[in-house]
Amino acid sequence: MARLNYTTAMTNALRLRCPRCGTGRLFVGLITMARRCDHCGLMFDRGPGFYLGSAYVNYGFMAITLTAMYMGLHFGLGWSNEALAAPLLAYCIIMPLILFRYARAWWLAMDCYLDATGHEDEVPLPGDQREPRS
């Protein structure tokens, strides 16, 4: 199988599709990931703790954007801390929920792109294609 290129991996991650084939859906619900791709058989459930890195991606994005928003609104536009508290708190609650799926998709895509070992030989097992992760 040909090596996955970066553009394809990122496009598939943004579409929440299998990083290898771009057809299978990563999620069967809002936050439940499929165990495998129903099209090419790529295993999404890579093992315990695999998606911990996606939490760091989500956290890093939030830290950078929250800091930039605070600096811009507080020092740039002169908003008080009291005026910023509610909107920035809402941002800190809502955005990680939105980014959860994309952080996981990006993490899996980067794993497939940077370390193709073992990804090329996986095939779907009967009855195991769309089982949710526990």
N, C-alpha and C. Protein backbone atom coordinates (compact mmCIF):
# COMPACT_ATOMS: atom_id res chain seq x y z
N MET A 1 0.84 -1.18 0.00
CA MET A 1 0.00 0.00 0.00
C MET A 1 0.88 1.24 0.00
N ALA A 2 0.50 2.27 -0.75
CA ALA A 2 1.27 3.50 -0.85
C ALA A 2 1.24 4.26 0.47
N ARG A 3 2.31 4.98 0.74
CA ARG A 3 2.42 5.77 1.96
C ARG A 3 1.40 6.90 1.94
N LEU A 4 0.76 7.12 3.06
CA LEU A 4 -0.23 8.18 3.21
C LEU A 4 0.47 9.53 3.17
N ASN A 5 -0.04 10.47 2.36
CA ASN A 5 0.59 11.79 2.35
C ASN A 5 -0.11 12.71 3.34
N TYR A 6 0.57 13.78 3.72
CA TYR A 6 0.11 14.68 4.77
C TYR A 6 -1.21 15.34 4.41
N THR A 7 -1.34 15.83 3.20
CA THR A 7 -2.56 16.52 2.77
C THR A 7 -3.77 15.61 2.87
N THR A 8 -3.62 14.39 2.41
CA THR A 8 -4.71 13.42 2.49
C THR A 8 -5.08 13.13 3.94
N ALA A 9 -4.08 12.94 4.79
CA ALA A 9 -4.32 12.66 6.20
C ALA A 9 -5.08 13.81 6.87
N MET A 10 -4.67 15.04 6.60
CA MET A 10 -5.32 16.20 7.20
C MET A 10 -6.73 16.42 6.66
N THR A 11 -6.91 16.22 5.37
CA THR A 11 -8.25 16.35 4.78
C THR A 11 -9.20 15.33 5.37
N ASN A 12 -8.75 14.10 5.48
CA ASN A 12 -9.59 13.06 6.06
C ASN A 12 -9.90 13.33 7.53
N ALA A 13 -8.93 13.86 8.27
CA ALA A 13 -9.16 14.19 9.68
C ALA A 13 -10.20 15.31 9.81
N LEU A 14 -10.11 16.33 8.99
CA LEU A 14 -11.09 17.42 9.04
C LEU A 14 -12.49 16.96 8.66
N ARG A 15 -12.57 15.95 7.82
CA ARG A 15 -13.86 15.40 7.41
C ARG A 15 -14.34 14.32 8.38
N LEU A 16 -13.53 14.02 9.41
CA LEU A 16 -13.84 12.97 10.40
C LEU A 16 -14.03 11.62 9.72
N ARG A 17 -13.12 11.34 8.80
CA ARG A 17 -13.13 10.07 8.05
C ARG A 17 -11.86 9.29 8.34
N CYS A 18 -11.87 8.04 7.96
CA CYS A 18 -10.71 7.17 8.13
C CYS A 18 -9.50 7.82 7.47
N PRO A 19 -8.37 7.91 8.17
CA PRO A 19 -7.21 8.55 7.57
C PRO A 19 -6.62 7.78 6.40
N ARG A 20 -6.84 6.48 6.36
CA ARG A 20 -6.26 5.67 5.30
C ARG A 20 -7.09 5.70 4.02
N CYS A 21 -8.40 5.42 4.12
CA CYS A 21 -9.21 5.33 2.90
C CYS A 21 -10.05 6.58 2.64
N GLY A 22 -10.34 7.36 3.69
CA GLY A 22 -11.15 8.56 3.53
C GLY A 22 -12.63 8.29 3.37
N THR A 23 -13.06 7.04 3.51
CA THR A 23 -14.46 6.68 3.31
C THR A 23 -15.17 6.39 4.62
N GLY A 24 -14.59 5.54 5.45
CA GLY A 24 -15.24 5.14 6.70
C GLY A 24 -15.33 6.27 7.70
N ARG A 25 -16.42 6.30 8.44
CA ARG A 25 -16.63 7.32 9.48
C ARG A 25 -15.87 6.93 10.75
N LEU A 26 -15.26 7.95 11.40
CA LEU A 26 -14.55 7.71 12.65
C LEU A 26 -15.50 7.56 13.83
N PHE A 27 -16.63 8.25 13.80
CA PHE A 27 -17.54 8.28 14.93
C PHE A 27 -18.89 7.69 14.56
N VAL A 28 -19.46 6.91 15.49
CA VAL A 28 -20.79 6.34 15.30
C VAL A 28 -21.83 7.13 16.08
N GLY A 29 -21.40 8.05 16.89
CA GLY A 29 -22.27 8.93 17.66
C GLY A 29 -21.54 10.26 17.83
N LEU A 30 -22.01 11.06 18.76
CA LEU A 30 -21.35 12.35 18.98
C LEU A 30 -19.95 12.18 19.54
N ILE A 31 -19.76 11.25 20.47
CA ILE A 31 -18.43 11.06 21.06
C ILE A 31 -17.95 9.62 21.02
N THR A 32 -18.72 8.71 20.46
CA THR A 32 -18.34 7.30 20.40
C THR A 32 -17.64 6.99 19.09
N MET A 33 -16.41 6.50 19.21
CA MET A 33 -15.64 6.14 18.02
C MET A 33 -15.93 4.70 17.61
N ALA A 34 -15.92 4.47 16.32
CA ALA A 34 -16.00 3.10 15.81
C ALA A 34 -14.70 2.39 16.16
N ARG A 35 -14.76 1.06 16.29
CA ARG A 35 -13.53 0.31 16.56
C ARG A 35 -12.64 0.21 15.33
N ARG A 36 -13.29 0.04 14.17
CA ARG A 36 -12.57 -0.12 12.90
C ARG A 36 -13.28 0.66 11.81
N CYS A 37 -12.55 0.90 10.74
CA CYS A 37 -13.15 1.50 9.54
C CYS A 37 -14.03 0.45 8.88
N ASP A 38 -15.26 0.82 8.56
CA ASP A 38 -16.16 -0.15 7.93
C ASP A 38 -15.85 -0.33 6.44
N HIS A 39 -14.92 0.43 5.91
CA HIS A 39 -14.57 0.31 4.50
C HIS A 39 -13.24 -0.44 4.30
N CYS A 40 -12.18 0.00 5.00
CA CYS A 40 -10.86 -0.61 4.77
C CYS A 40 -10.36 -1.45 5.94
N GLY A 41 -11.02 -1.39 7.10
CA GLY A 41 -10.64 -2.22 8.23
C GLY A 41 -9.58 -1.64 9.14
N LEU A 42 -9.17 -0.39 8.94
CA LEU A 42 -8.17 0.22 9.81
C LEU A 42 -8.70 0.25 11.24
N MET A 43 -7.88 -0.22 12.17
CA MET A 43 -8.29 -0.24 13.57
C MET A 43 -8.14 1.15 14.17
N PHE A 44 -9.25 1.74 14.64
CA PHE A 44 -9.21 3.06 15.27
C PHE A 44 -8.86 2.94 16.75
N ASP A 45 -9.28 1.84 17.36
CA ASP A 45 -9.00 1.61 18.77
C ASP A 45 -7.59 1.04 18.88
N ARG A 46 -6.60 1.92 19.01
CA ARG A 46 -5.19 1.52 18.95
C ARG A 46 -4.68 0.94 20.26
N GLY A 47 -5.41 1.08 21.35
CA GLY A 47 -4.98 0.53 22.63
C GLY A 47 -5.24 1.51 23.75
N PRO A 48 -5.09 1.03 24.99
CA PRO A 48 -5.34 1.90 26.14
C PRO A 48 -4.41 3.11 26.14
N GLY A 49 -4.96 4.28 26.34
CA GLY A 49 -4.17 5.50 26.43
C GLY A 49 -3.74 6.10 25.11
N PHE A 50 -4.11 5.48 23.99
CA PHE A 50 -3.65 6.01 22.70
C PHE A 50 -4.12 7.44 22.47
N TYR A 51 -5.36 7.73 22.80
CA TYR A 51 -5.92 9.05 22.51
C TYR A 51 -5.61 10.08 23.58
N LEU A 52 -4.78 9.76 24.55
CA LEU A 52 -4.38 10.73 25.55
C LEU A 52 -3.70 11.93 24.89
N GLY A 53 -2.93 11.67 23.86
CA GLY A 53 -2.26 12.77 23.14
C GLY A 53 -3.25 13.74 22.52
N SER A 54 -4.43 13.25 22.12
CA SER A 54 -5.42 14.16 21.54
C SER A 54 -5.93 15.14 22.59
N ALA A 55 -5.94 14.74 23.86
CA ALA A 55 -6.33 15.66 24.93
C ALA A 55 -5.31 16.78 25.06
N TYR A 56 -4.04 16.46 24.86
CA TYR A 56 -3.00 17.50 24.89
C TYR A 56 -3.13 18.45 23.71
N VAL A 57 -3.50 17.92 22.56
CA VAL A 57 -3.74 18.76 21.39
C VAL A 57 -4.88 19.73 21.68
N ASN A 58 -5.97 19.21 22.21
CA ASN A 58 -7.13 20.02 22.56
C ASN A 58 -6.74 21.08 23.60
N TYR A 59 -6.01 20.67 24.62
CA TYR A 59 -5.58 21.59 25.67
C TYR A 59 -4.66 22.68 25.11
N GLY A 60 -3.71 22.29 24.28
CA GLY A 60 -2.79 23.26 23.70
C GLY A 60 -3.50 24.30 22.85
N PHE A 61 -4.45 23.84 22.02
CA PHE A 61 -5.22 24.77 21.21
C PHE A 61 -6.00 25.74 22.09
N MET A 62 -6.62 25.21 23.14
CA MET A 62 -7.40 26.05 24.04
C MET A 62 -6.53 27.06 24.77
N ALA A 63 -5.36 26.64 25.24
CA ALA A 63 -4.47 27.56 25.97
C ALA A 63 -4.01 28.70 25.07
N ILE A 64 -3.63 28.37 23.84
CA ILE A 64 -3.15 29.41 22.92
C ILE A 64 -4.27 30.37 22.54
N THR A 65 -5.42 29.83 22.16
CA THR A 65 -6.51 30.71 21.71
C THR A 65 -7.10 31.52 22.86
N LEU A 66 -7.21 30.92 24.04
CA LEU A 66 -7.75 31.65 25.18
C LEU A 66 -6.81 32.80 25.58
N THR A 67 -5.52 32.53 25.58
CA THR A 67 -4.55 33.58 25.89
C THR A 67 -4.61 34.70 24.86
N ALA A 68 -4.67 34.35 23.59
CA ALA A 68 -4.75 35.37 22.54
C ALA A 68 -6.03 36.19 22.65
N MET A 69 -7.14 35.52 22.93
CA MET A 69 -8.41 36.24 23.08
C MET A 69 -8.37 37.17 24.29
N TYR A 70 -7.85 36.69 25.40
CA TYR A 70 -7.78 37.53 26.60
C TYR A 70 -6.89 38.75 26.34
N MET A 71 -5.73 38.52 25.79
CA MET A 71 -4.80 39.63 25.53
C MET A 71 -5.42 40.65 24.58
N GLY A 72 -6.04 40.15 23.52
CA GLY A 72 -6.64 41.06 22.54
C GLY A 72 -7.81 41.84 23.11
N LEU A 73 -8.67 41.18 23.85
CA LEU A 73 -9.85 41.85 24.38
C LEU A 73 -9.54 42.72 25.59
N HIS A 74 -8.64 42.25 26.46
CA HIS A 74 -8.32 43.01 27.67
C HIS A 74 -7.37 44.17 27.37
N PHE A 75 -6.25 43.87 26.75
CA PHE A 75 -5.25 44.91 26.51
C PHE A 75 -5.50 45.68 25.23
N GLY A 76 -6.02 45.01 24.22
CA GLY A 76 -6.27 45.67 22.94
C GLY A 76 -7.52 46.53 22.94
N LEU A 77 -8.62 45.98 23.44
CA LEU A 77 -9.90 46.70 23.41
C LEU A 77 -10.30 47.28 24.76
N GLY A 78 -9.53 46.97 25.79
CA GLY A 78 -9.78 47.56 27.10
C GLY A 78 -10.93 46.96 27.89
N TRP A 79 -11.35 45.74 27.58
CA TRP A 79 -12.43 45.09 28.33
C TRP A 79 -11.93 44.77 29.74
N SER A 80 -12.79 44.88 30.73
CA SER A 80 -12.41 44.55 32.10
C SER A 80 -12.44 43.03 32.29
N ASN A 81 -11.78 42.59 33.35
CA ASN A 81 -11.78 41.17 33.67
C ASN A 81 -13.19 40.67 33.98
N GLU A 82 -13.99 41.51 34.62
CA GLU A 82 -15.37 41.13 34.93
C GLU A 82 -16.19 40.93 33.66
N ALA A 83 -15.97 41.77 32.67
CA ALA A 83 -16.70 41.65 31.41
C ALA A 83 -16.23 40.43 30.61
N LEU A 84 -14.98 40.05 30.79
CA LEU A 84 -14.42 38.91 30.04
C LEU A 84 -14.73 37.56 30.68
N ALA A 85 -15.04 37.53 31.95
CA ALA A 85 -15.18 36.27 32.68
C ALA A 85 -16.23 35.35 32.05
N ALA A 86 -17.43 35.83 31.82
CA ALA A 86 -18.51 34.97 31.31
C ALA A 86 -18.25 34.48 29.89
N PRO A 87 -17.89 35.36 28.93
CA PRO A 87 -17.66 34.84 27.58
C PRO A 87 -16.47 33.88 27.48
N LEU A 88 -15.41 34.16 28.22
CA LEU A 88 -14.25 33.27 28.16
C LEU A 88 -14.53 31.95 28.87
N LEU A 89 -15.34 31.98 29.92
CA LEU A 89 -15.74 30.74 30.58
C LEU A 89 -16.60 29.89 29.63
N ALA A 90 -17.52 30.52 28.95
CA ALA A 90 -18.35 29.81 27.97
C ALA A 90 -17.48 29.20 26.87
N TYR A 91 -16.49 29.95 26.41
CA TYR A 91 -15.55 29.47 25.39
C TYR A 91 -14.81 28.23 25.90
N CYS A 92 -14.38 28.28 27.17
CA CYS A 92 -13.63 27.16 27.76
C CYS A 92 -14.48 25.92 27.96
N ILE A 93 -15.77 26.07 28.02
CA ILE A 93 -16.66 24.92 28.18
C ILE A 93 -17.09 24.36 26.83
N ILE A 94 -17.44 25.23 25.90
CA ILE A 94 -18.01 24.79 24.62
C ILE A 94 -16.95 24.31 23.63
N MET A 95 -15.86 25.04 23.48
CA MET A 95 -14.86 24.69 22.46
C MET A 95 -14.22 23.32 22.63
N PRO A 96 -13.84 22.89 23.84
CA PRO A 96 -13.27 21.55 23.95
C PRO A 96 -14.24 20.45 23.53
N LEU A 97 -15.54 20.68 23.76
CA LEU A 97 -16.53 19.70 23.32
C LEU A 97 -16.60 19.63 21.80
N ILE A 98 -16.50 20.78 21.15
CA ILE A 98 -16.50 20.82 19.69
C ILE A 98 -15.21 20.22 19.13
N LEU A 99 -14.09 20.53 19.76
CA LEU A 99 -12.78 20.08 19.27
C LEU A 99 -12.47 18.62 19.58
N PHE A 100 -13.19 18.00 20.49
CA PHE A 100 -12.91 16.63 20.91
C PHE A 100 -12.77 15.68 19.72
N ARG A 101 -13.75 15.68 18.84
CA ARG A 101 -13.74 14.77 17.70
C ARG A 101 -12.60 15.09 16.75
N TYR A 102 -12.35 16.37 16.51
CA TYR A 102 -11.30 16.76 15.57
C TYR A 102 -9.90 16.49 16.13
N ALA A 103 -9.72 16.65 17.44
CA ALA A 103 -8.43 16.34 18.05
C ALA A 103 -8.13 14.85 17.94
N ARG A 104 -9.14 14.01 18.16
CA ARG A 104 -8.95 12.56 18.01
C ARG A 104 -8.67 12.18 16.56
N ALA A 105 -9.41 12.79 15.64
CA ALA A 105 -9.21 12.50 14.22
C ALA A 105 -7.80 12.90 13.80
N TRP A 106 -7.36 14.07 14.24
CA TRP A 106 -6.01 14.54 13.90
C TRP A 106 -4.96 13.62 14.50
N TRP A 107 -5.16 13.20 15.74
CA TRP A 107 -4.19 12.32 16.41
C TRP A 107 -4.05 10.99 15.67
N LEU A 108 -5.17 10.40 15.27
CA LEU A 108 -5.14 9.15 14.52
C LEU A 108 -4.51 9.35 13.15
N ALA A 109 -4.83 10.45 12.48
CA ALA A 109 -4.26 10.73 11.17
C ALA A 109 -2.75 10.90 11.26
N MET A 110 -2.27 11.59 12.30
CA MET A 110 -0.83 11.77 12.47
C MET A 110 -0.14 10.45 12.78
N ASP A 111 -0.81 9.58 13.53
CA ASP A 111 -0.25 8.27 13.80
C ASP A 111 -0.10 7.47 12.51
N CYS A 112 -1.12 7.50 11.67
CA CYS A 112 -1.06 6.78 10.40
C CYS A 112 -0.03 7.39 9.46
N TYR A 113 0.10 8.70 9.48
CA TYR A 113 1.05 9.38 8.59
C TYR A 113 2.49 9.17 9.05
N LEU A 114 2.75 9.34 10.32
CA LEU A 114 4.13 9.29 10.82
C LEU A 114 4.64 7.88 11.10
N ASP A 115 3.73 6.97 11.44
CA ASP A 115 4.14 5.61 11.77
C ASP A 115 3.20 4.62 11.09
N ALA A 116 3.50 4.28 9.87
CA ALA A 116 2.63 3.40 9.08
C ALA A 116 2.77 1.93 9.49
N THR A 117 3.66 1.62 10.41
CA THR A 117 3.88 0.25 10.83
C THR A 117 2.59 -0.37 11.37
N GLY A 118 2.19 -1.46 10.77
CA GLY A 118 1.03 -2.19 11.23
C GLY A 118 -0.30 -1.70 10.69
N HIS A 119 -0.35 -0.54 10.09
CA HIS A 119 -1.61 -0.01 9.58
C HIS A 119 -2.00 -0.63 8.24
N GLU A 120 -1.03 -1.11 7.50
CA GLU A 120 -1.34 -1.58 6.15
C GLU A 120 -1.92 -2.98 6.09
N ASP A 121 -1.77 -3.78 7.16
CA ASP A 121 -2.22 -5.17 7.10
C ASP A 121 -3.56 -5.43 7.79
N GLU A 122 -4.17 -4.42 8.35
CA GLU A 122 -5.41 -4.63 9.08
C GLU A 122 -6.58 -4.86 8.14
N VAL A 123 -7.41 -5.83 8.49
CA VAL A 123 -8.62 -6.11 7.71
C VAL A 123 -9.79 -6.21 8.67
N PRO A 124 -10.99 -5.90 8.19
CA PRO A 124 -12.14 -5.98 9.09
C PRO A 124 -12.46 -7.41 9.51
N LEU A 125 -12.92 -7.56 10.71
CA LEU A 125 -13.37 -8.86 11.21
C LEU A 125 -14.88 -8.89 11.18
N PRO A 126 -15.49 -10.02 10.86
CA PRO A 126 -16.96 -10.10 10.83
C PRO A 126 -17.55 -9.71 12.18
N GLY A 127 -18.54 -8.82 12.16
CA GLY A 127 -19.21 -8.39 13.37
C GLY A 127 -18.44 -7.39 14.21
N ASP A 128 -17.27 -6.97 13.79
CA ASP A 128 -16.43 -6.06 14.57
C ASP A 128 -16.24 -4.72 13.88
N GLN A 129 -16.98 -4.47 12.82
CA GLN A 129 -16.71 -3.29 12.02
C GLN A 129 -17.19 -2.00 12.64
N ARG A 130 -18.34 -1.97 13.27
CA ARG A 130 -18.88 -0.71 13.78
C ARG A 130 -19.21 -0.77 15.27
N GLU A 131 -18.52 -1.64 16.00
CA GLU A 131 -18.76 -1.71 17.43
C GLU A 131 -18.15 -0.49 18.10
N PRO A 132 -18.89 0.13 19.01
CA PRO A 132 -18.36 1.31 19.70
C PRO A 132 -17.26 0.93 20.67
N ARG A 133 -16.35 1.89 20.89
CA ARG A 133 -15.30 1.71 21.89
C ARG A 133 -15.91 1.70 23.26
N SER A 134 -15.34 0.92 24.12
CA SER A 134 -15.83 0.92 25.51
C SER A 134 -15.01 1.84 26.37
